[in-house]
């Protein structure tokens, strides 16, 4: 997206990447864009948009991720100070919002505990049926032409415990900085 997030009258380029990087580029001269800010998210970014969402007068960047989470970055200051350097007290409206959110959180936690108990009881009964849940997998297998290697990216909405790569020809697995996996090798069985 392009949006004037810095408020200088010139639109910046907002970039959301498959590797989870959110970047803001400015065009300070006629040359290449300059990276002004970046933020790493834990999963790939599906969409990015700039605008005023949460509070009038403070622009924000919203990014939606592969699993559907919305992440917002705002220009609103986190702390406000008065002349003496002490933090201002929260307004009555803000205090009521916080109280409402705390109550909602407690209600959701109670609901989760109740559902967890129901699941435990049903899974221990003699008529329990177990099924494997279906997950959609976001996978990419792309050629990196600089070093003639392929990059395999797997993303799923739950934790990945193991990935088995099987090949009938010898392959070399290369480690990269963004890799969080622990690689173990086993030799090929020719039969």
C-alpha atoms as a PDB file:
ATOM      1  CA  UNK A   1       0.000   0.000   0.000  1.00  0.00           C
ATOM      2  CA  UNK A   2       1.047   3.627  -0.276  1.00  0.00           C
ATOM      3  CA  UNK A   3       0.065   5.928   2.590  1.00  0.00           C
ATOM      4  CA  UNK A   4       1.436   9.060   4.290  1.00  0.00           C
ATOM      5  CA  UNK A   5       2.116   7.432   7.673  1.00  0.00           C
ATOM      6  CA  UNK A   6       4.830   9.962   8.622  1.00  0.00           C
ATOM      7  CA  UNK A   7       2.510  12.950   8.001  1.00  0.00           C
ATOM      8  CA  UNK A   8       5.017  14.836   5.835  1.00  0.00           C
ATOM      9  CA  UNK A   9       2.706  15.179   2.809  1.00  0.00           C
ATOM     10  CA  UNK A  10       4.510  12.462   0.824  1.00  0.00           C
ATOM     11  CA  UNK A  11       3.146   8.930   0.675  1.00  0.00           C
ATOM     12  CA  UNK A  12       5.373   6.138   1.970  1.00  0.00           C
ATOM     13  CA  UNK A  13       5.452   2.620   0.569  1.00  0.00           C
ATOM     14  CA  UNK A  14       4.088   0.002   3.013  1.00  0.00           C
ATOM     15  CA  UNK A  15       5.364  -3.519   2.292  1.00  0.00           C
ATOM     16  CA  UNK A  16       4.232  -6.782   3.892  1.00  0.00           C
ATOM     17  CA  UNK A  17       6.379  -9.803   3.037  1.00  0.00           C
ATOM     18  CA  UNK A  18       5.909 -13.576   3.020  1.00  0.00           C
ATOM     19  CA  UNK A  19       8.596 -13.949   5.682  1.00  0.00           C
ATOM     20  CA  UNK A  20       6.628 -11.764   8.124  1.00  0.00           C
ATOM     21  CA  UNK A  21       8.586  -8.517   7.662  1.00  0.00           C
ATOM     22  CA  UNK A  22       6.580  -5.287   7.611  1.00  0.00           C
ATOM     23  CA  UNK A  23       8.577  -2.430   6.085  1.00  0.00           C
ATOM     24  CA  UNK A  24       8.053   1.307   5.489  1.00  0.00           C
ATOM     25  CA  UNK A  25       9.987   2.937   2.660  1.00  0.00           C
ATOM     26  CA  UNK A  26      10.260   6.693   1.978  1.00  0.00           C
ATOM     27  CA  UNK A  27      11.158   8.488  -1.215  1.00  0.00           C
ATOM     28  CA  UNK A  28      13.543  11.175  -0.001  1.00  0.00           C
ATOM     29  CA  UNK A  29      15.193  11.706  -3.372  1.00  0.00           C
ATOM     30  CA  UNK A  30      14.675  10.656  -6.980  1.00  0.00           C
ATOM     31  CA  UNK A  31      16.828   7.571  -6.380  1.00  0.00           C
ATOM     32  CA  UNK A  32      15.853   4.303  -4.722  1.00  0.00           C
ATOM     33  CA  UNK A  33      13.399   4.164  -1.808  1.00  0.00           C
ATOM     34  CA  UNK A  34      14.919   4.295   1.692  1.00  0.00           C
ATOM     35  CA  UNK A  35      13.899   1.851   4.445  1.00  0.00           C
ATOM     36  CA  UNK A  36      12.656   3.957   7.386  1.00  0.00           C
ATOM     37  CA  UNK A  37      11.104   1.312   9.643  1.00  0.00           C
ATOM     38  CA  UNK A  38      10.677  -2.454   9.817  1.00  0.00           C
ATOM     39  CA  UNK A  39       8.856  -4.797  12.160  1.00  0.00           C
ATOM     40  CA  UNK A  40       8.979  -8.607  12.225  1.00  0.00           C
ATOM     41  CA  UNK A  41       5.773 -10.610  12.627  1.00  0.00           C
ATOM     42  CA  UNK A  42       5.721 -14.331  13.383  1.00  0.00           C
ATOM     43  CA  UNK A  43       3.942 -15.377  10.168  1.00  0.00           C
ATOM     44  CA  UNK A  44       3.532 -14.287   6.558  1.00  0.00           C
ATOM     45  CA  UNK A  45       1.640 -11.092   5.845  1.00  0.00           C
ATOM     46  CA  UNK A  46      -1.341 -11.552   3.538  1.00  0.00           C
ATOM     47  CA  UNK A  47      -2.448  -7.908   3.304  1.00  0.00           C
ATOM     48  CA  UNK A  48      -1.342  -4.455   4.474  1.00  0.00           C
ATOM     49  CA  UNK A  49      -3.198  -1.135   4.582  1.00  0.00           C
ATOM     50  CA  UNK A  50      -2.588   2.348   5.960  1.00  0.00           C
ATOM     51  CA  UNK A  51      -5.311   4.599   7.378  1.00  0.00           C
ATOM     52  CA  UNK A  52      -6.992   6.008  10.462  1.00  0.00           C
ATOM     53  CA  UNK A  53      -8.690   3.136  12.289  1.00  0.00           C
ATOM     54  CA  UNK A  54      -8.533   3.305  16.076  1.00  0.00           C
ATOM     55  CA  UNK A  55      -8.393   6.976  17.059  1.00  0.00           C
ATOM     56  CA  UNK A  56      -8.956  10.198  15.128  1.00  0.00           C
ATOM     57  CA  UNK A  57      -5.772  12.083  14.383  1.00  0.00           C
ATOM     58  CA  UNK A  58      -3.457   9.058  14.663  1.00  0.00           C
ATOM     59  CA  UNK A  59      -2.661   7.125  11.493  1.00  0.00           C
ATOM     60  CA  UNK A  60      -2.097   3.391  11.619  1.00  0.00           C
ATOM     61  CA  UNK A  61      -0.865   0.469   9.562  1.00  0.00           C
ATOM     62  CA  UNK A  62      -2.969  -2.705   9.651  1.00  0.00           C
ATOM     63  CA  UNK A  63      -1.542  -6.021   8.501  1.00  0.00           C
ATOM     64  CA  UNK A  64      -3.435  -9.287   8.247  1.00  0.00           C
ATOM     65  CA  UNK A  65      -1.423 -12.481   8.545  1.00  0.00           C
ATOM     66  CA  UNK A  66      -1.790 -15.937   7.026  1.00  0.00           C
ATOM     67  CA  UNK A  67      -3.773 -17.334   9.963  1.00  0.00           C
ATOM     68  CA  UNK A  68      -6.107 -14.314  10.048  1.00  0.00           C
ATOM     69  CA  UNK A  69      -4.591 -12.234  12.848  1.00  0.00           C
ATOM     70  CA  UNK A  70      -4.771  -8.449  12.488  1.00  0.00           C
ATOM     71  CA  UNK A  71      -1.778  -6.470  13.701  1.00  0.00           C
ATOM     72  CA  UNK A  72      -1.837  -2.704  14.004  1.00  0.00           C
ATOM     73  CA  UNK A  73       0.998  -0.216  14.302  1.00  0.00           C
ATOM     74  CA  UNK A  74      -0.041   3.277  15.369  1.00  0.00           C
ATOM     75  CA  UNK A  75       1.480   6.738  15.474  1.00  0.00           C
ATOM     76  CA  UNK A  76      -0.293   7.422  18.801  1.00  0.00           C
ATOM     77  CA  UNK A  77       2.245   7.889  21.617  1.00  0.00           C
ATOM     78  CA  UNK A  78       2.184   5.120  24.197  1.00  0.00           C
ATOM     79  CA  UNK A  79       2.933   7.434  27.135  1.00  0.00           C
ATOM     80  CA  UNK A  80       1.818  11.013  27.565  1.00  0.00           C
ATOM     81  CA  UNK A  81       3.552  13.336  29.973  1.00  0.00           C
ATOM     82  CA  UNK A  82       2.609  16.673  31.498  1.00  0.00           C
ATOM     83  CA  UNK A  83       4.996  19.538  32.154  1.00  0.00           C
ATOM     84  CA  UNK A  84       6.418  18.051  35.362  1.00  0.00           C
ATOM     85  CA  UNK A  85       7.357  14.775  33.685  1.00  0.00           C
ATOM     86  CA  UNK A  86       4.754  12.670  35.514  1.00  0.00           C
ATOM     87  CA  UNK A  87       2.387  10.409  33.589  1.00  0.00           C
ATOM     88  CA  UNK A  88      -1.155  11.675  33.127  1.00  0.00           C
ATOM     89  CA  UNK A  89      -3.989   9.731  34.703  1.00  0.00           C
ATOM     90  CA  UNK A  90      -6.200   7.656  32.412  1.00  0.00           C
ATOM     91  CA  UNK A  91      -9.481   9.251  31.417  1.00  0.00           C
ATOM     92  CA  UNK A  92     -12.745   7.802  32.731  1.00  0.00           C
ATOM     93  CA  UNK A  93     -13.565   6.530  29.223  1.00  0.00           C
ATOM     94  CA  UNK A  94     -10.222   4.717  28.978  1.00  0.00           C
ATOM     95  CA  UNK A  95     -10.619   3.208  32.450  1.00  0.00           C
ATOM     96  CA  UNK A  96     -14.071   1.890  31.546  1.00  0.00           C
ATOM     97  CA  UNK A  97     -12.709   0.401  28.304  1.00  0.00           C
ATOM     98  CA  UNK A  98      -9.935  -1.359  30.205  1.00  0.00           C
ATOM     99  CA  UNK A  99     -12.416  -2.642  32.784  1.00  0.00           C
ATOM    100  CA  UNK A 100     -14.734  -3.904  30.040  1.00  0.00           C
ATOM    101  CA  UNK A 101     -11.851  -5.683  28.278  1.00  0.00           C
ATOM    102  CA  UNK A 102     -10.726  -7.297  31.535  1.00  0.00           C
ATOM    103  CA  UNK A 103     -14.254  -8.573  32.187  1.00  0.00           C
ATOM    104  CA  UNK A 104     -14.484  -9.937  28.646  1.00  0.00           C
ATOM    105  CA  UNK A 105     -11.102 -11.648  29.036  1.00  0.00           C
ATOM    106  CA  UNK A 106     -12.164 -13.269  32.327  1.00  0.00           C
ATOM    107  CA  UNK A 107     -15.408 -14.451  30.695  1.00  0.00           C
ATOM    108  CA  UNK A 108     -13.491 -15.990  27.783  1.00  0.00           C
ATOM    109  CA  UNK A 109     -11.037 -17.693  30.134  1.00  0.00           C
ATOM    110  CA  UNK A 110     -13.932 -19.245  32.067  1.00  0.00           C
ATOM    111  CA  UNK A 111     -15.514 -20.408  28.815  1.00  0.00           C
ATOM    112  CA  UNK A 112     -12.241 -22.021  27.720  1.00  0.00           C
ATOM    113  CA  UNK A 113     -11.966 -23.857  31.043  1.00  0.00           C
ATOM    114  CA  UNK A 114     -15.539 -25.130  30.728  1.00  0.00           C
ATOM    115  CA  UNK A 115     -14.971 -26.347  27.159  1.00  0.00           C
ATOM    116  CA  UNK A 116     -11.691 -27.984  28.185  1.00  0.00           C
ATOM    117  CA  UNK A 117     -13.486 -29.869  30.963  1.00  0.00           C
ATOM    118  CA  UNK A 118     -16.230 -30.961  28.528  1.00  0.00           C
ATOM    119  CA  UNK A 119     -13.564 -32.230  26.124  1.00  0.00           C
ATOM    120  CA  UNK A 120     -11.751 -34.130  28.880  1.00  0.00           C
ATOM    121  CA  UNK A 121     -14.993 -35.805  29.969  1.00  0.00           C
ATOM    122  CA  UNK A 122     -16.038 -36.721  26.424  1.00  0.00           C
ATOM    123  CA  UNK A 123     -12.577 -38.034  25.477  1.00  0.00           C
ATOM    124  CA  UNK A 124     -12.554 -40.394  28.475  1.00  0.00           C
ATOM    125  CA  UNK A 125     -15.980 -41.865  27.768  1.00  0.00           C
ATOM    126  CA  UNK A 126     -16.353 -45.263  26.088  1.00  0.00           C
ATOM    127  CA  UNK A 127     -18.183 -43.739  23.099  1.00  0.00           C
ATOM    128  CA  UNK A 128     -15.486 -41.166  22.296  1.00  0.00           C
ATOM    129  CA  UNK A 129     -14.466 -40.856  18.657  1.00  0.00           C
ATOM    130  CA  UNK A 130     -11.148 -39.295  17.733  1.00  0.00           C
ATOM    131  CA  UNK A 131     -10.532 -37.529  14.450  1.00  0.00           C
ATOM    132  CA  UNK A 132      -7.540 -35.772  12.955  1.00  0.00           C
ATOM    133  CA  UNK A 133      -8.313 -32.105  12.291  1.00  0.00           C
ATOM    134  CA  UNK A 134      -7.747 -30.778   8.780  1.00  0.00           C
ATOM    135  CA  UNK A 135      -5.427 -27.789   8.410  1.00  0.00           C
ATOM    136  CA  UNK A 136      -4.766 -25.757   5.321  1.00  0.00           C
ATOM    137  CA  UNK A 137      -1.061 -25.517   4.572  1.00  0.00           C
ATOM    138  CA  UNK A 138       0.518 -22.446   3.004  1.00  0.00           C
ATOM    139  CA  UNK A 139       3.504 -23.833   1.104  1.00  0.00           C
ATOM    140  CA  UNK A 140       5.983 -22.292  -1.319  1.00  0.00           C
ATOM    141  CA  UNK A 141       8.865 -23.910  -3.192  1.00  0.00           C
ATOM    142  CA  UNK A 142      10.795 -21.137  -4.934  1.00  0.00           C
ATOM    143  CA  UNK A 143      14.042 -21.029  -6.875  1.00  0.00           C
ATOM    144  CA  UNK A 144      16.729 -18.684  -5.609  1.00  0.00           C
ATOM    145  CA  UNK A 145      18.615 -17.854  -8.778  1.00  0.00           C
ATOM    146  CA  UNK A 146      21.546 -16.215  -6.923  1.00  0.00           C
ATOM    147  CA  UNK A 147      22.853 -19.478  -5.455  1.00  0.00           C
ATOM    148  CA  UNK A 148      20.843 -22.004  -7.522  1.00  0.00           C
ATOM    149  CA  UNK A 149      18.957 -23.344  -4.520  1.00  0.00           C
ATOM    150  CA  UNK A 150      15.302 -23.908  -3.751  1.00  0.00           C
ATOM    151  CA  UNK A 151      13.591 -22.446  -0.706  1.00  0.00           C
ATOM    152  CA  UNK A 152      10.808 -24.481   0.907  1.00  0.00           C
ATOM    153  CA  UNK A 153       8.439 -22.475   3.110  1.00  0.00           C
ATOM    154  CA  UNK A 154       5.711 -24.232   5.104  1.00  0.00           C
ATOM    155  CA  UNK A 155       3.156 -22.408   7.209  1.00  0.00           C
ATOM    156  CA  UNK A 156       0.195 -23.905   9.037  1.00  0.00           C
ATOM    157  CA  UNK A 157      -2.164 -22.596  11.722  1.00  0.00           C
ATOM    158  CA  UNK A 158      -0.748 -24.892  14.398  1.00  0.00           C
ATOM    159  CA  UNK A 159       2.698 -25.903  15.614  1.00  0.00           C
ATOM    160  CA  UNK A 160       4.749 -27.985  13.183  1.00  0.00           C
ATOM    161  CA  UNK A 161       6.543 -30.790  15.023  1.00  0.00           C
ATOM    162  CA  UNK A 162       8.199 -32.615  12.141  1.00  0.00           C
ATOM    163  CA  UNK A 163       8.695 -32.188   8.420  1.00  0.00           C
ATOM    164  CA  UNK A 164       9.954 -35.181   6.486  1.00  0.00           C
ATOM    165  CA  UNK A 165      11.682 -34.503   3.171  1.00  0.00           C
ATOM    166  CA  UNK A 166      12.219 -37.669   1.184  1.00  0.00           C
ATOM    167  CA  UNK A 167      14.110 -37.788  -2.083  1.00  0.00           C
ATOM    168  CA  UNK A 168      15.307 -40.575  -4.343  1.00  0.00           C
ATOM    169  CA  UNK A 169      18.377 -38.489  -5.281  1.00  0.00           C
ATOM    170  CA  UNK A 170      20.968 -37.044  -2.884  1.00  0.00           C
ATOM    171  CA  UNK A 171      20.156 -33.486  -1.743  1.00  0.00           C
ATOM    172  CA  UNK A 172      21.977 -30.915   0.382  1.00  0.00           C
ATOM    173  CA  UNK A 173      19.948 -29.046   2.996  1.00  0.00           C
ATOM    174  CA  UNK A 174      21.195 -25.520   3.631  1.00  0.00           C
ATOM    175  CA  UNK A 175      20.508 -23.637   6.851  1.00  0.00           C
ATOM    176  CA  UNK A 176      19.306 -20.031   6.665  1.00  0.00           C
ATOM    177  CA  UNK A 177      19.035 -17.278   9.293  1.00  0.00           C
ATOM    178  CA  UNK A 178      15.229 -17.297   9.377  1.00  0.00           C
ATOM    179  CA  UNK A 179      15.066 -21.078   9.806  1.00  0.00           C
ATOM    180  CA  UNK A 180      13.752 -22.209  13.174  1.00  0.00           C
ATOM    181  CA  UNK A 181      14.008 -25.928  12.388  1.00  0.00           C
ATOM    182  CA  UNK A 182      16.578 -28.415  13.668  1.00  0.00           C
ATOM    183  CA  UNK A 183      17.844 -30.491  10.765  1.00  0.00           C
ATOM    184  CA  UNK A 184      18.762 -34.163  11.071  1.00  0.00           C
ATOM    185  CA  UNK A 185      20.096 -36.224   8.193  1.00  0.00           C
ATOM    186  CA  UNK A 186      19.781 -39.886   7.356  1.00  0.00           C
ATOM    187  CA  UNK A 187      21.352 -41.674   4.438  1.00  0.00           C
ATOM    188  CA  UNK A 188      19.352 -42.761   1.400  1.00  0.00           C
ATOM    189  CA  UNK A 189      18.235 -46.351   1.232  1.00  0.00           C
ATOM    190  CA  UNK A 190      18.834 -47.441  -2.357  1.00  0.00           C
ATOM    191  CA  UNK A 191      16.083 -50.080  -2.107  1.00  0.00           C
END
